[in-house]
C-alpha atoms as a PDB file:
ATOM      1  CA  MET A   1      71.337  49.387  85.860  1.00  0.00           C
ATOM      2  CA  SER A   2      67.944  47.744  86.047  1.00  0.00           C
ATOM      3  CA  ARG A   3      68.741  45.961  82.771  1.00  0.00           C
ATOM      4  CA  LYS A   4      71.510  44.212  84.663  1.00  0.00           C
ATOM      5  CA  GLY A   5      69.160  43.257  87.489  1.00  0.00           C
ATOM      6  CA  ILE A   6      70.246  46.031  89.849  1.00  0.00           C
ATOM      7  CA  ASP A   7      67.308  48.015  91.137  1.00  0.00           C
ATOM      8  CA  LEU A   8      68.184  51.316  92.742  1.00  0.00           C
ATOM      9  CA  ASP A   9      65.711  53.543  94.470  1.00  0.00           C
ATOM     10  CA  ARG A  10      65.257  56.990  92.946  1.00  0.00           C
ATOM     11  CA  SER A  11      66.292  58.570  96.264  1.00  0.00           C
ATOM     12  CA  THR A  12      69.596  56.669  96.123  1.00  0.00           C
ATOM     13  CA  LEU A  13      70.328  58.022  92.663  1.00  0.00           C
ATOM     14  CA  ALA A  14      69.361  61.538  93.758  1.00  0.00           C
ATOM     15  CA  ASP A  15      71.687  61.224  96.753  1.00  0.00           C
ATOM     16  CA  TRP A  16      74.564  60.165  94.488  1.00  0.00           C
ATOM     17  CA  VAL A  17      73.982  63.154  92.223  1.00  0.00           C
ATOM     18  CA  GLY A  18      73.936  65.474  95.235  1.00  0.00           C
ATOM     19  CA  ARG A  19      77.153  64.013  96.618  1.00  0.00           C
ATOM     20  CA  ALA A  20      78.872  64.228  93.238  1.00  0.00           C
ATOM     21  CA  ALA A  21      77.796  67.872  92.892  1.00  0.00           C
ATOM     22  CA  PHE A  22      79.194  68.614  96.352  1.00  0.00           C
ATOM     23  CA  GLU A  23      82.529  66.980  95.544  1.00  0.00           C
ATOM     24  CA  LEU A  24      82.796  68.684  92.144  1.00  0.00           C
ATOM     25  CA  ARG A  25      81.902  72.186  93.403  1.00  0.00           C
ATOM     26  CA  PRO A  26      85.574  73.193  93.902  1.00  0.00           C
ATOM     27  CA  VAL A  27      86.318  72.167  90.295  1.00  0.00           C
ATOM     28  CA  PHE A  28      83.370  74.229  89.042  1.00  0.00           C
ATOM     29  CA  ASP A  29      84.387  77.251  91.138  1.00  0.00           C
ATOM     30  CA  THR A  30      87.945  77.050  89.793  1.00  0.00           C
ATOM     31  CA  LEU A  31      86.682  76.799  86.210  1.00  0.00           C
ATOM     32  CA  ILE A  32      84.386  79.819  86.617  1.00  0.00           C
ATOM     33  CA  SER A  33      87.211  81.839  88.198  1.00  0.00           C
ATOM     34  CA  ASP A  34      89.562  80.905  85.366  1.00  0.00           C
ATOM     35  CA  LEU A  35      86.993  81.849  82.728  1.00  0.00           C
ATOM     36  CA  LYS A  36      86.342  85.223  84.370  1.00  0.00           C
ATOM     37  CA  ARG A  37      90.044  86.095  84.106  1.00  0.00           C
ATOM     38  CA  SER A  38      89.686  85.968  80.302  1.00  0.00           C
ATOM     39  CA  SER A  39      89.534  89.149  78.253  1.00  0.00           C
ATOM     40  CA  LYS A  40      86.628  87.837  76.174  1.00  0.00           C
ATOM     41  CA  LEU A  41      83.864  85.347  76.811  1.00  0.00           C
ATOM     42  CA  PHE A  42      80.685  84.057  75.198  1.00  0.00           C
ATOM     43  CA  MET A  43      77.410  83.752  77.099  1.00  0.00           C
ATOM     44  CA  ASP A  44      74.063  82.274  76.184  1.00  0.00           C
ATOM     45  CA  GLU A  45      71.045  80.971  78.030  1.00  0.00           C
ATOM     46  CA  THR A  46      68.812  78.052  77.141  1.00  0.00           C
ATOM     47  CA  ARG A  47      65.503  76.843  78.528  1.00  0.00           C
ATOM     48  CA  ALA A  48      65.327  73.677  80.564  1.00  0.00           C
ATOM     49  CA  PRO A  49      62.232  72.048  82.039  1.00  0.00           C
ATOM     50  CA  VAL A  50      62.646  71.546  85.784  1.00  0.00           C
ATOM     51  CA  LEU A  51      60.342  69.918  88.298  1.00  0.00           C
ATOM     52  CA  ASP A  52      58.098  72.332  90.164  1.00  0.00           C
ATOM     53  CA  PRO A  53      58.039  70.895  93.709  1.00  0.00           C
ATOM     54  CA  GLY A  54      54.577  70.009  94.897  1.00  0.00           C
ATOM     55  CA  SER A  55      52.806  70.542  91.585  1.00  0.00           C
ATOM     56  CA  ARG A  56      53.755  67.336  89.752  1.00  0.00           C
ATOM     57  CA  LYS A  57      54.496  69.527  86.744  1.00  0.00           C
ATOM     58  CA  THR A  58      57.510  71.182  85.236  1.00  0.00           C
ATOM     59  CA  LYS A  59      58.364  74.847  84.982  1.00  0.00           C
ATOM     60  CA  THR A  60      60.918  76.620  82.830  1.00  0.00           C
ATOM     61  CA  GLY A  61      64.383  77.206  84.228  1.00  0.00           C
ATOM     62  CA  TYR A  62      67.507  78.325  82.391  1.00  0.00           C
ATOM     63  CA  PHE A  63      71.023  77.038  81.979  1.00  0.00           C
ATOM     64  CA  TRP A  64      73.478  79.858  81.344  1.00  0.00           C
ATOM     65  CA  ALA A  65      76.611  78.873  79.418  1.00  0.00           C
ATOM     66  CA  LEU A  66      79.788  80.872  79.962  1.00  0.00           C
ATOM     67  CA  ALA A  67      82.426  79.866  77.424  1.00  0.00           C
ATOM     68  CA  ARG A  68      85.887  80.681  76.127  1.00  0.00           C
ATOM     69  CA  ASP A  69      87.594  79.463  72.975  1.00  0.00           C
ATOM     70  CA  ASP A  70      90.563  81.549  71.830  1.00  0.00           C
ATOM     71  CA  ARG A  71      91.982  78.884  69.493  1.00  0.00           C
ATOM     72  CA  PRO A  72      90.758  80.505  66.240  1.00  0.00           C
ATOM     73  CA  TRP A  73      92.928  83.586  66.831  1.00  0.00           C
ATOM     74  CA  GLY A  74      95.918  81.895  68.435  1.00  0.00           C
ATOM     75  CA  GLY A  75      95.054  82.478  72.079  1.00  0.00           C
ATOM     76  CA  GLY A  76      96.971  80.491  74.651  1.00  0.00           C
ATOM     77  CA  ALA A  77      94.133  79.825  77.091  1.00  0.00           C
ATOM     78  CA  PRO A  78      92.479  76.422  76.828  1.00  0.00           C
ATOM     79  CA  PRO A  79      88.842  76.315  75.759  1.00  0.00           C
ATOM     80  CA  GLY A  80      86.344  75.958  78.552  1.00  0.00           C
ATOM     81  CA  VAL A  81      82.655  76.158  79.316  1.00  0.00           C
ATOM     82  CA  ALA A  82      80.699  76.227  82.560  1.00  0.00           C
ATOM     83  CA  PHE A  83      76.939  75.992  82.948  1.00  0.00           C
ATOM     84  CA  THR A  84      75.041  77.732  85.721  1.00  0.00           C
ATOM     85  CA  TYR A  85      71.368  77.226  86.510  1.00  0.00           C
ATOM     86  CA  ALA A  86      69.017  80.126  87.230  1.00  0.00           C
ATOM     87  CA  PRO A  87      65.235  80.067  87.584  1.00  0.00           C
ATOM     88  CA  GLY A  88      64.798  82.988  85.198  1.00  0.00           C
ATOM     89  CA  ARG A  89      66.104  84.577  82.037  1.00  0.00           C
ATOM     90  CA  GLY A  90      66.450  88.140  83.327  1.00  0.00           C
ATOM     91  CA  GLY A  91      69.666  90.074  82.894  1.00  0.00           C
ATOM     92  CA  ILE A  92      70.140  90.056  86.663  1.00  0.00           C
ATOM     93  CA  ASN A  93      71.141  86.391  86.347  1.00  0.00           C
ATOM     94  CA  ALA A  94      73.818  87.197  83.762  1.00  0.00           C
ATOM     95  CA  GLU A  95      75.040  90.016  86.000  1.00  0.00           C
ATOM     96  CA  ARG A  96      75.298  87.665  88.993  1.00  0.00           C
ATOM     97  CA  ILE A  97      77.162  84.991  87.023  1.00  0.00           C
ATOM     98  CA  LEU A  98      79.587  87.528  85.516  1.00  0.00           C
ATOM     99  CA  GLN A  99      80.397  89.264  88.793  1.00  0.00           C
ATOM    100  CA  GLY A 100      84.133  89.965  88.690  1.00  0.00           C
ATOM    101  CA  PHE A 101      84.485  89.675  84.898  1.00  0.00           C
ATOM    102  CA  SER A 102      85.836  92.594  82.896  1.00  0.00           C
ATOM    103  CA  GLY A 103      86.155  92.409  79.126  1.00  0.00           C
ATOM    104  CA  ILE A 104      84.270  91.646  75.942  1.00  0.00           C
ATOM    105  CA  LEU A 105      81.187  89.460  76.196  1.00  0.00           C
ATOM    106  CA  GLN A 106      79.829  87.941  72.981  1.00  0.00           C
ATOM    107  CA  VAL A 107      76.054  87.519  73.191  1.00  0.00           C
ATOM    108  CA  ASP A 108      72.993  87.249  71.010  1.00  0.00           C
ATOM    109  CA  GLY A 109      70.512  90.105  70.693  1.00  0.00           C
ATOM    110  CA  TYR A 110      68.548  89.308  73.855  1.00  0.00           C
ATOM    111  CA  ALA A 111      67.722  92.615  75.587  1.00  0.00           C
ATOM    112  CA  GLY A 112      68.418  91.187  79.052  1.00  0.00           C
ATOM    113  CA  TYR A 113      72.144  91.579  78.426  1.00  0.00           C
ATOM    114  CA  ASN A 114      71.710  95.355  78.224  1.00  0.00           C
ATOM    115  CA  ARG A 115      71.688  95.367  82.016  1.00  0.00           C
ATOM    116  CA  LEU A 116      75.417  94.631  81.837  1.00  0.00           C
ATOM    117  CA  ILE A 117      76.146  97.927  80.101  1.00  0.00           C
ATOM    118  CA  ALA A 118      73.718 100.191  81.955  1.00  0.00           C
ATOM    119  CA  ARG A 119      75.282 103.512  82.969  1.00  0.00           C
ATOM    120  CA  ASP A 120      74.220 103.133  86.596  1.00  0.00           C
ATOM    121  CA  ARG A 121      75.577  99.583  86.880  1.00  0.00           C
ATOM    122  CA  ILE A 122      78.186  99.068  89.565  1.00  0.00           C
ATOM    123  CA  GLY A 123      80.925  96.626  88.659  1.00  0.00           C
ATOM    124  CA  ALA A 124      83.693  95.904  86.207  1.00  0.00           C
ATOM    125  CA  ASP A 125      83.517  97.211  82.641  1.00  0.00           C
ATOM    126  CA  ILE A 126      81.834  94.818  80.229  1.00  0.00           C
ATOM    127  CA  ARG A 127      81.540  95.501  76.511  1.00  0.00           C
ATOM    128  CA  LEU A 128      78.983  93.565  74.521  1.00  0.00           C
ATOM    129  CA  ALA A 129      79.803  92.089  71.114  1.00  0.00           C
ATOM    130  CA  TYR A 130      76.677  90.876  69.345  1.00  0.00           C
ATOM    131  CA  CYS A 131      76.715  87.816  67.124  1.00  0.00           C
END
């Protein structure tokens, strides 16, 4: 916007992002709930640099993608993907995001997903399909 002569303070932009996130939260919650009703999902995590408050540096956070696309085998559910942020890559984050999901979860070989199939795990049955 500054190219058009409109100078906005960084705090104004941050406030807009916060307000938009607040207004869109019900849409996100509905999307996550819809995805978790699927019989099969895909999950992956990716690093993202995030500001480390007070240090003037960045630290590594993770965006976790939860996705569905049944089109290749004639599924009727529309494709969808939702991203969730977590400060770490541990399997506990996948477990928290997937709470309430029961079905097949396609993942890569990352060992953190093994937490989802541990014998002592309490929760719905999840079967891992490795890609």
